[in-house]
Amino acid sequence: MHYQPKQDLLNDRIILVTGASDGIGREAAMTYARYGATVILLGRNEEKLRQVASHINEEIGRQPQWFILDC
């Protein structure tokens, strides 16, 4: 048996994704956006965050916000 979640599973949810500029964080942000979440991208690299936000906007049609964090 294969579980297939509904496309609107995360509607009305806001998810903060740390490390969203690359790797697992980037893929998590993409997946959350695909399932309807409002995604806020957090990371250290401004250019990569812009690229991820642009990719989500172009591929999924959602415009995430992003913030640079360097702790």
C-alpha atoms as a PDB file:
ATOM      1  CA  MET A   1       0.000   0.000   0.000  1.00  0.00           C
ATOM      2  CA  HIS A   2       1.310   3.445  -0.937  1.00  0.00           C
ATOM      3  CA  TYR A   3       0.357   6.592   0.999  1.00  0.00           C
ATOM      4  CA  GLN A   4      -0.331   9.636  -1.174  1.00  0.00           C
ATOM      5  CA  PRO A   5      -1.117  12.797   0.838  1.00  0.00           C
ATOM      6  CA  LYS A   6      -3.676  15.298  -0.450  1.00  0.00           C
ATOM      7  CA  GLN A   7      -2.253  18.283  -2.331  1.00  0.00           C
ATOM      8  CA  ASP A   8      -3.839  20.691   0.182  1.00  0.00           C
ATOM      9  CA  LEU A   9      -2.529  18.828   3.234  1.00  0.00           C
ATOM     10  CA  LEU A  10      -0.642  21.876   4.548  1.00  0.00           C
ATOM     11  CA  ASN A  11      -3.032  24.665   3.510  1.00  0.00           C
ATOM     12  CA  ASP A  12      -3.329  27.384   6.158  1.00  0.00           C
ATOM     13  CA  ARG A  13       0.007  26.335   7.682  1.00  0.00           C
ATOM     14  CA  ILE A  14       3.087  28.526   8.003  1.00  0.00           C
ATOM     15  CA  ILE A  15       6.363  26.614   8.143  1.00  0.00           C
ATOM     16  CA  LEU A  16       9.789  28.085   8.960  1.00  0.00           C
ATOM     17  CA  VAL A  17      12.552  26.128   7.249  1.00  0.00           C
ATOM     18  CA  THR A  18      16.102  26.574   8.550  1.00  0.00           C
ATOM     19  CA  GLY A  19      18.959  25.735   6.222  1.00  0.00           C
ATOM     20  CA  ALA A  20      16.592  26.343   3.306  1.00  0.00           C
ATOM     21  CA  SER A  21      19.276  27.528   0.902  1.00  0.00           C
ATOM     22  CA  ASP A  22      20.619  24.055   0.134  1.00  0.00           C
ATOM     23  CA  GLY A  23      20.306  20.310   0.620  1.00  0.00           C
ATOM     24  CA  ILE A  24      17.651  18.818   2.877  1.00  0.00           C
ATOM     25  CA  GLY A  25      16.299  22.216   3.949  1.00  0.00           C
ATOM     26  CA  ARG A  26      15.778  23.243   0.326  1.00  0.00           C
ATOM     27  CA  GLU A  27      13.976  20.010  -0.528  1.00  0.00           C
ATOM     28  CA  ALA A  28      11.846  20.241   2.626  1.00  0.00           C
ATOM     29  CA  ALA A  29      10.798  23.791   1.695  1.00  0.00           C
ATOM     30  CA  MET A  30       9.891  22.661  -1.827  1.00  0.00           C
ATOM     31  CA  THR A  31       7.826  19.747  -0.503  1.00  0.00           C
ATOM     32  CA  TYR A  32       5.989  21.859   2.077  1.00  0.00           C
ATOM     33  CA  ALA A  33       5.135  24.431  -0.610  1.00  0.00           C
ATOM     34  CA  ARG A  34       3.873  21.691  -2.965  1.00  0.00           C
ATOM     35  CA  TYR A  35       1.420  20.601  -0.278  1.00  0.00           C
ATOM     36  CA  GLY A  36       0.072  24.115   0.243  1.00  0.00           C
ATOM     37  CA  ALA A  37       2.112  25.551   3.113  1.00  0.00           C
ATOM     38  CA  THR A  38       3.238  29.142   3.317  1.00  0.00           C
ATOM     39  CA  VAL A  39       6.996  28.706   3.552  1.00  0.00           C
ATOM     40  CA  ILE A  40       9.459  31.075   5.209  1.00  0.00           C
ATOM     41  CA  LEU A  41      13.020  30.335   4.148  1.00  0.00           C
ATOM     42  CA  LEU A  42      15.841  30.881   6.652  1.00  0.00           C
ATOM     43  CA  GLY A  43      19.548  30.565   5.882  1.00  0.00           C
ATOM     44  CA  ARG A  44      22.955  32.218   5.719  1.00  0.00           C
ATOM     45  CA  ASN A  45      23.418  32.684   1.972  1.00  0.00           C
ATOM     46  CA  GLU A  46      21.324  35.483   0.471  1.00  0.00           C
ATOM     47  CA  GLU A  47      21.868  34.506  -3.171  1.00  0.00           C
ATOM     48  CA  LYS A  48      20.914  30.868  -2.585  1.00  0.00           C
ATOM     49  CA  LEU A  49      17.808  31.885  -0.631  1.00  0.00           C
ATOM     50  CA  ARG A  50      16.752  34.134  -3.518  1.00  0.00           C
ATOM     51  CA  GLN A  51      17.260  31.250  -5.948  1.00  0.00           C
ATOM     52  CA  VAL A  52      15.191  28.841  -3.843  1.00  0.00           C
ATOM     53  CA  ALA A  53      12.406  31.416  -3.440  1.00  0.00           C
ATOM     54  CA  SER A  54      12.412  32.053  -7.182  1.00  0.00           C
ATOM     55  CA  HIS A  55      12.349  28.324  -7.935  1.00  0.00           C
ATOM     56  CA  ILE A  56       9.382  27.769  -5.590  1.00  0.00           C
ATOM     57  CA  ASN A  57       7.560  30.697  -7.195  1.00  0.00           C
ATOM     58  CA  GLU A  58       8.179  29.471 -10.752  1.00  0.00           C
ATOM     59  CA  GLU A  59       7.572  25.757 -10.163  1.00  0.00           C
ATOM     60  CA  ILE A  60       4.800  25.818  -7.559  1.00  0.00           C
ATOM     61  CA  GLY A  61       3.281  29.278  -7.878  1.00  0.00           C
ATOM     62  CA  ARG A  62       3.855  30.338  -4.286  1.00  0.00           C
ATOM     63  CA  GLN A  63       6.020  33.281  -3.219  1.00  0.00           C
ATOM     64  CA  PRO A  64       7.912  32.439  -0.029  1.00  0.00           C
ATOM     65  CA  GLN A  65       9.515  35.037   2.187  1.00  0.00           C
ATOM     66  CA  TRP A  66      13.157  34.601   3.127  1.00  0.00           C
ATOM     67  CA  PHE A  67      15.437  35.920   5.850  1.00  0.00           C
ATOM     68  CA  ILE A  68      19.183  35.761   6.335  1.00  0.00           C
ATOM     69  CA  LEU A  69      20.273  34.289   9.673  1.00  0.00           C
ATOM     70  CA  ASP A  70      23.846  33.978  10.852  1.00  0.00           C
ATOM     71  CA  CYS A  71      24.105  32.788  14.412  1.00  0.00           C
END
